[in-house]
Amino acid sequence: MKIVVDDKIPYIREKLEKLADEVVYLRGTDIKAVDVKDADALVVRTRTRCDEQLLKGSNVRFVATATIGYDHLDTHYLEQAGISWTNCPGCNAGSVAQYVETSLLLIARERGLRLQGATLGVVGCGHVGSKVCDVAHRLGMRVLVCDPPLGRADFVELETIEREADVITFHVPLTREGPHATWHMADVAFFGRLVRAPYIINTSRGEVVDGTALLDALRSGKVADAVLDVWEHEPQIDPQLLERVMIGTPHIAGYSADGKVNADNMVIDALCRHFHLPHPGLIVAPSDGRQHGDNPLDWYNPMADSRQLKADAALFEQLRNEYPVRREQYDCQ
């Protein structure tokens, strides 16, 4: 058995090498058709587009992405070609919730927003959004949730969030078509309808927010400030937008060691089920070697990641690929 793996997926190597006769590690953006031609399985991240161009004529029968999102997988082609696939829903929900919580605490500390009684608009209430709601309630915030596909009676329309929210945070998948398309959900019209000059947080997909429109809204005062972990045109991000936002990080909100280990274990489970292999055992998150207090900012402060990216935006991929061990506070799990 042969498995081709993105070489930036951490902690997984020992277990994979117990499952396969041959494991080949390659940079995600460098994985080509010739590399997977005689492979049985492929384990990737978002930087590898898995479609007919990559997989036609190969032996690949199983594709796993160690991420929540799967818009880099051409699922229609995979299903037509008889190639099973899986993603890792919810694997890094606690990590993203940690990122949002610490960002809110920094907004309160640095910009003076009183979180107790402030209104948080949560757009998207899946694995991540629901944990963000828990965080907001713990901070004493009023929470408004918009998620049209879920259609729950206690949710509100986006217009209500535009009108009432002090902070708006996005947790939706990227969809370009259909009644609930999210591509440029936050566009010129969206920013024009905002009433309270809210703070904007985006940890979902860069294209959910129109970056040019956000920059204009920041400059005009329609938006008080912004926290961006995801960007249009990654890794070639807009330097003016990066300079203007309060916090700008290189797509690492979900990059806690705990979240990565969750994804690894989900991938291993799926591989074993698909190929009827004996399970090699669970992967455990490593220690970050630090002493932590009760303050969430003692566990993680996104300002440190923001300073590194703002110092040199060209390091976007390097900072992402070489991200150090970061542990979640237990309350975020």
Protein backbone atom coordinates (compact mmCIF):
# COMPACT_ATOMS: atom_id res chain seq x y z
CA MET A 1 0.00 0.00 0.00
CA LYS A 2 1.26 3.51 -0.90
CA ILE A 3 0.06 6.81 0.58
CA VAL A 4 1.03 10.29 -0.65
CA VAL A 5 0.84 12.91 2.10
CA ASP A 6 1.17 16.69 2.41
CA ASP A 7 4.44 17.06 4.29
CA LYS A 8 3.12 19.88 6.48
CA ILE A 9 0.52 17.70 8.24
CA PRO A 10 2.09 17.27 11.69
CA TYR A 11 2.15 14.38 14.17
CA ILE A 12 0.73 11.82 11.71
CA ARG A 13 3.83 10.17 10.25
CA GLU A 14 4.41 7.40 12.78
CA LYS A 15 0.84 6.10 12.52
CA LEU A 16 0.72 6.29 8.71
CA GLU A 17 3.96 4.36 8.45
CA LYS A 18 2.38 1.57 10.49
CA LEU A 19 -0.45 1.35 7.94
CA ALA A 20 1.36 1.55 4.59
CA ASP A 21 4.31 -0.11 2.90
CA GLU A 22 5.32 3.23 1.41
CA VAL A 23 4.51 6.77 2.54
CA VAL A 24 5.66 9.69 0.35
CA TYR A 25 5.72 13.21 1.82
CA LEU A 26 5.46 16.15 -0.57
CA ARG A 27 4.74 19.85 -0.34
CA GLY A 28 1.00 20.26 -0.85
CA THR A 29 1.29 22.67 -3.78
CA ASP A 30 3.84 20.37 -5.46
CA ILE A 31 1.73 17.19 -5.55
CA LYS A 32 1.27 16.30 -9.23
CA ALA A 33 -0.36 13.51 -11.24
CA VAL A 34 2.93 11.67 -11.64
CA ASP A 35 3.33 11.57 -7.83
CA VAL A 36 -0.04 9.91 -7.19
CA LYS A 37 -0.25 7.64 -10.24
CA ASP A 38 0.62 4.46 -8.31
CA ALA A 39 -0.69 5.58 -4.90
CA ASP A 40 -3.64 3.96 -3.14
CA ALA A 41 -4.52 6.96 -0.94
CA LEU A 42 -3.88 10.68 -0.74
CA VAL A 43 -3.85 12.80 2.45
CA VAL A 44 -3.88 16.55 1.81
CA ARG A 45 -4.61 20.03 3.15
CA THR A 46 -6.30 22.93 1.37
CA ARG A 47 -3.31 23.69 -0.86
CA THR A 48 -3.79 20.54 -3.00
CA ARG A 49 -6.56 20.62 -5.61
CA CYS A 50 -7.87 17.06 -5.93
CA ASP A 51 -9.62 16.79 -9.30
CA GLU A 52 -9.55 14.96 -12.61
CA GLN A 53 -6.31 16.63 -13.66
CA LEU A 54 -4.54 15.23 -10.61
CA LEU A 55 -6.21 11.83 -10.29
CA LYS A 56 -7.32 10.59 -13.71
CA GLY A 57 -5.62 7.28 -14.50
CA SER A 58 -4.19 6.89 -11.00
CA ASN A 59 -4.66 4.01 -8.59
CA VAL A 60 -5.98 6.34 -5.89
CA ARG A 61 -9.16 5.00 -4.31
CA PHE A 62 -9.29 7.21 -1.21
CA VAL A 63 -8.66 10.93 -0.55
CA ALA A 64 -8.63 12.48 2.92
CA THR A 65 -8.22 16.16 3.69
CA ALA A 66 -7.04 16.92 7.21
CA THR A 67 -9.22 20.06 7.27
CA ILE A 68 -12.80 21.08 7.93
CA GLY A 69 -13.23 22.62 4.48
CA TYR A 70 -13.27 20.56 1.30
CA ASP A 71 -13.75 23.13 -1.47
CA HIS A 72 -10.32 22.04 -2.78
CA LEU A 73 -11.80 18.59 -3.49
CA ASP A 74 -13.77 18.12 -6.71
CA THR A 75 -16.23 15.86 -4.96
CA HIS A 76 -18.34 15.41 -8.08
CA TYR A 77 -15.36 14.04 -10.00
CA LEU A 78 -14.24 11.88 -7.05
CA GLU A 79 -17.66 10.28 -6.74
CA GLN A 80 -17.96 9.75 -10.50
CA ALA A 81 -14.52 8.12 -10.52
CA GLY A 82 -15.37 5.84 -7.61
CA ILE A 83 -12.85 7.50 -5.30
CA SER A 84 -14.00 7.73 -1.69
CA TRP A 85 -13.20 10.94 0.17
CA THR A 86 -13.46 12.39 3.65
CA ASN A 87 -12.85 15.65 5.47
CA CYS A 88 -12.55 16.35 9.21
CA PRO A 89 -15.65 18.30 10.28
CA GLY A 90 -15.26 20.00 13.64
CA CYS A 91 -11.62 18.98 14.09
CA ASN A 92 -10.40 22.51 14.83
CA ALA A 93 -13.58 24.08 16.17
CA GLY A 94 -12.08 24.55 19.63
CA SER A 95 -8.99 26.17 18.13
CA VAL A 96 -11.01 28.70 16.11
CA ALA A 97 -13.19 29.42 19.15
CA GLN A 98 -10.00 30.11 21.11
CA TYR A 99 -8.86 32.52 18.37
CA VAL A 100 -12.19 34.37 18.39
CA GLU A 101 -12.30 34.53 22.20
CA THR A 102 -8.80 35.99 22.48
CA SER A 103 -9.54 38.42 19.65
CA LEU A 104 -12.64 39.63 21.49
CA LEU A 105 -10.61 40.08 24.68
CA LEU A 106 -8.03 42.11 22.74
CA ILE A 107 -10.75 44.26 21.15
CA ALA A 108 -12.04 44.95 24.66
CA ARG A 109 -8.57 45.71 26.01
CA GLU A 110 -7.15 47.68 23.08
CA ARG A 111 -10.27 49.34 21.66
CA GLY A 112 -12.42 49.74 24.77
CA LEU A 113 -15.43 47.64 23.74
CA ARG A 114 -17.29 46.47 26.83
CA LEU A 115 -18.05 42.82 26.09
CA GLN A 116 -20.59 42.39 28.89
CA GLY A 117 -23.91 43.16 27.21
CA ALA A 118 -22.40 43.80 23.76
CA THR A 119 -24.03 42.02 20.81
CA LEU A 120 -22.12 39.42 18.82
CA GLY A 121 -23.49 38.45 15.42
CA VAL A 122 -22.46 34.90 14.51
CA VAL A 123 -22.88 34.12 10.81
CA GLY A 124 -22.81 30.34 10.45
CA CYS A 125 -23.58 27.99 13.34
CA GLY A 126 -21.94 24.68 12.52
CA HIS A 127 -19.19 23.07 14.59
CA VAL A 128 -17.20 26.31 14.91
CA GLY A 129 -20.05 28.80 15.14
CA SER A 130 -21.74 26.87 17.93
CA LYS A 131 -18.51 26.89 19.99
CA VAL A 132 -18.13 30.62 19.34
CA CYS A 133 -21.66 31.10 20.71
CA ASP A 134 -20.57 29.27 23.88
CA VAL A 135 -17.56 31.58 24.17
CA ALA A 136 -19.73 34.68 23.73
CA HIS A 137 -22.20 33.57 26.37
CA ARG A 138 -19.33 32.93 28.78
CA LEU A 139 -18.14 36.51 28.16
CA GLY A 140 -21.61 37.86 28.92
CA MET A 141 -22.40 38.88 25.36
CA ARG A 142 -25.79 38.91 23.71
CA VAL A 143 -25.68 36.54 20.73
CA LEU A 144 -27.54 36.76 17.42
CA VAL A 145 -27.13 33.84 15.02
CA CYS A 146 -27.75 33.79 11.28
CA ASP A 147 -27.58 30.48 9.41
CA PRO A 148 -30.25 30.22 6.68
CA PRO A 149 -29.41 26.61 5.66
CA LEU A 150 -30.11 25.42 9.21
CA GLY A 151 -33.38 27.35 9.33
CA ARG A 152 -33.84 27.32 13.10
CA ALA A 153 -36.63 29.41 14.57
CA ASP A 154 -34.30 31.05 17.12
CA PHE A 155 -31.98 32.34 14.38
CA VAL A 156 -32.26 35.79 12.80
CA GLU A 157 -31.89 37.24 9.33
CA LEU A 158 -28.56 38.77 8.34
CA GLU A 159 -30.25 42.18 8.25
CA THR A 160 -30.85 41.94 12.01
CA ILE A 161 -27.15 41.35 12.62
CA GLU A 162 -26.25 44.23 10.29
CA ARG A 163 -28.51 46.47 12.34
CA GLU A 164 -27.77 45.37 15.92
CA ALA A 165 -24.33 43.73 16.20
CA ASP A 166 -21.29 45.33 17.83
CA VAL A 167 -19.08 42.50 16.49
CA ILE A 168 -19.79 40.25 13.50
CA THR A 169 -17.90 36.97 13.07
CA PHE A 170 -18.11 34.68 10.03
CA HIS A 171 -18.06 30.86 10.22
CA VAL A 172 -19.51 29.71 6.90
CA PRO A 173 -18.17 27.48 4.13
CA LEU A 174 -17.35 29.06 0.78
CA THR A 175 -20.12 28.52 -1.78
CA ARG A 176 -20.31 30.44 -5.04
CA GLU A 177 -23.77 29.45 -6.27
CA GLY A 178 -27.22 28.63 -4.98
CA PRO A 179 -29.66 30.35 -2.63
CA HIS A 180 -27.15 30.47 0.23
CA ALA A 181 -23.99 31.45 -1.67
CA THR A 182 -21.36 32.93 0.65
CA TRP A 183 -18.84 34.30 -1.88
CA HIS A 184 -18.55 38.03 -1.04
CA MET A 185 -21.36 37.72 1.48
CA ALA A 186 -19.81 40.79 3.11
CA ASP A 187 -19.71 43.13 0.10
CA VAL A 188 -20.19 46.84 -0.56
CA ALA A 189 -23.93 46.55 0.04
CA PHE A 190 -23.40 44.65 3.31
CA PHE A 191 -21.02 47.26 4.69
CA GLY A 192 -23.35 50.02 3.53
CA ARG A 193 -26.17 48.57 5.64
CA LEU A 194 -24.20 48.39 8.90
CA VAL A 195 -25.64 50.59 11.63
CA ARG A 196 -23.33 50.36 14.67
CA ALA A 197 -19.85 50.45 13.03
CA PRO A 198 -19.10 46.92 14.28
CA TYR A 199 -15.86 45.01 14.47
CA ILE A 200 -15.53 42.32 11.79
CA ILE A 201 -13.89 38.92 12.41
CA ASN A 202 -13.35 36.43 9.59
CA THR A 203 -11.89 32.97 10.22
CA SER A 204 -13.93 31.10 7.59
CA ARG A 205 -12.77 31.65 4.01
CA GLY A 206 -11.14 34.78 2.64
CA GLU A 207 -13.58 35.14 -0.23
CA VAL A 208 -16.55 35.39 2.15
CA VAL A 209 -15.48 39.02 2.71
CA ASP A 210 -14.82 41.36 -0.21
CA GLY A 211 -11.42 42.68 0.88
CA THR A 212 -11.61 45.88 -1.18
CA ALA A 213 -15.05 46.69 0.25
CA LEU A 214 -13.82 45.98 3.79
CA LEU A 215 -10.84 48.29 3.35
CA ASP A 216 -13.14 51.06 2.14
CA ALA A 217 -15.47 50.44 5.10
CA LEU A 218 -12.55 50.65 7.53
CA ARG A 219 -11.37 53.90 5.98
CA SER A 220 -14.86 55.42 6.01
CA GLY A 221 -15.65 54.35 9.58
CA LYS A 222 -18.50 52.00 8.63
CA VAL A 223 -16.41 49.28 10.33
CA ALA A 224 -14.62 50.09 13.60
CA ASP A 225 -11.82 47.58 13.03
CA ALA A 226 -11.23 44.05 11.78
CA VAL A 227 -9.61 40.73 12.66
CA LEU A 228 -8.72 38.64 9.61
CA ASP A 229 -7.22 35.18 9.62
CA VAL A 230 -8.30 34.38 6.06
CA TRP A 231 -7.81 36.47 2.94
CA GLU A 232 -8.69 36.70 -0.69
CA HIS A 233 -5.92 35.51 -3.02
CA GLU A 234 -3.88 33.72 -0.34
CA PRO A 235 -0.94 33.73 -0.01
CA GLN A 236 -0.66 36.97 -2.06
CA ILE A 237 -2.74 39.05 0.34
CA ASP A 238 -3.58 42.76 0.12
CA PRO A 239 -0.78 44.61 2.00
CA GLN A 240 -2.95 47.71 2.53
CA LEU A 241 -5.70 45.65 4.15
CA LEU A 242 -3.15 43.80 6.29
CA GLU A 243 -1.70 47.10 7.49
CA ARG A 244 -5.15 48.51 8.31
CA VAL A 245 -6.69 45.64 10.29
CA MET A 246 -6.23 45.36 14.04
CA ILE A 247 -5.19 41.69 13.82
CA GLY A 248 -4.07 39.95 10.65
CA THR A 249 -2.82 36.35 10.76
CA PRO A 250 -1.77 33.76 8.14
CA HIS A 251 -4.77 31.39 8.15
CA ILE A 252 -3.82 29.75 11.45
CA ALA A 253 -6.92 30.22 13.63
CA GLY A 254 -7.54 26.48 13.51
CA TYR A 255 -3.89 25.54 13.89
CA SER A 256 -3.75 24.51 17.54
CA ALA A 257 -1.92 21.25 18.19
CA ASP A 258 -5.20 19.90 19.58
CA GLY A 259 -7.06 20.70 16.36
CA LYS A 260 -4.35 19.17 14.20
CA VAL A 261 -4.29 15.99 16.28
CA ASN A 262 -8.08 15.76 16.05
CA ALA A 263 -7.78 15.90 12.26
CA ASP A 264 -4.96 13.34 12.22
CA ASN A 265 -7.00 10.88 14.26
CA MET A 266 -10.05 11.37 12.03
CA VAL A 267 -7.90 10.71 8.94
CA ILE A 268 -6.37 7.57 10.49
CA ASP A 269 -9.84 6.31 11.50
CA ALA A 270 -11.16 6.85 7.97
CA LEU A 271 -8.16 5.16 6.33
CA CYS A 272 -8.51 2.13 8.57
CA ARG A 273 -12.23 1.82 7.88
CA HIS A 274 -11.84 2.19 4.13
CA PHE A 275 -8.97 -0.25 3.70
CA HIS A 276 -10.01 -2.59 6.57
CA LEU A 277 -6.73 -2.05 8.41
CA PRO A 278 -5.95 -2.61 12.12
CA HIS A 279 -5.96 0.70 13.97
CA PRO A 280 -2.45 1.87 14.99
CA GLY A 281 -3.66 3.82 18.05
CA LEU A 282 -4.52 7.43 18.87
CA ILE A 283 -2.18 10.37 18.35
CA VAL A 284 -1.79 12.65 21.40
CA ALA A 285 -1.09 16.40 21.22
CA PRO A 286 2.42 17.39 22.34
CA SER A 287 3.12 19.85 25.14
CA ASP A 288 4.01 23.41 24.23
CA GLY A 289 6.41 23.51 27.17
CA ARG A 290 4.73 26.53 28.78
CA GLN A 291 3.06 27.34 32.08
CA HIS A 292 -0.46 28.73 31.62
CA GLY A 293 -2.73 30.78 33.84
CA ASP A 294 -6.51 31.10 33.80
CA ASN A 295 -6.55 34.05 31.37
CA PRO A 296 -7.20 32.83 27.80
CA LEU A 297 -4.56 35.29 26.59
CA ASP A 298 -1.99 33.37 28.66
CA TRP A 299 -2.73 30.39 26.43
CA TYR A 300 -2.78 32.23 23.12
CA ASN A 301 -2.42 35.84 21.98
CA PRO A 302 -3.05 36.35 18.24
CA MET A 303 -1.22 39.69 18.35
CA ALA A 304 2.08 37.79 18.28
CA ASP A 305 1.12 36.07 15.01
CA SER A 306 -0.22 39.36 13.65
CA ARG A 307 3.04 41.20 14.34
CA GLN A 308 5.02 38.55 12.45
CA LEU A 309 2.78 38.71 9.39
CA LYS A 310 2.61 42.51 9.38
CA ALA A 311 6.40 42.65 9.50
CA ASP A 312 6.59 40.75 6.20
CA ALA A 313 3.46 39.64 4.34
CA ALA A 314 5.63 37.62 1.94
CA LEU A 315 6.19 35.15 4.80
CA PHE A 316 2.50 34.12 4.76
CA GLU A 317 3.11 30.50 3.65
CA GLN A 318 6.26 30.09 5.72
CA LEU A 319 4.55 31.27 8.90
CA ARG A 320 1.65 28.94 8.20
CA ASN A 321 3.77 25.92 7.37
CA GLU A 322 6.16 26.40 10.28
CA TYR A 323 3.53 27.26 12.88
CA PRO A 324 4.72 26.37 16.42
CA VAL A 325 2.91 24.17 18.91
CA ARG A 326 -0.09 25.97 20.38
CA ARG A 327 -2.38 24.33 22.90
CA GLU A 328 -6.04 25.06 23.58
CA GLN A 329 -7.28 26.14 26.94
CA TYR A 330 -9.50 23.39 28.30
CA ASP A 331 -12.57 25.65 28.30
CA CYS A 332 -12.37 25.91 24.50
CA GLN A 333 -12.46 22.16 23.82
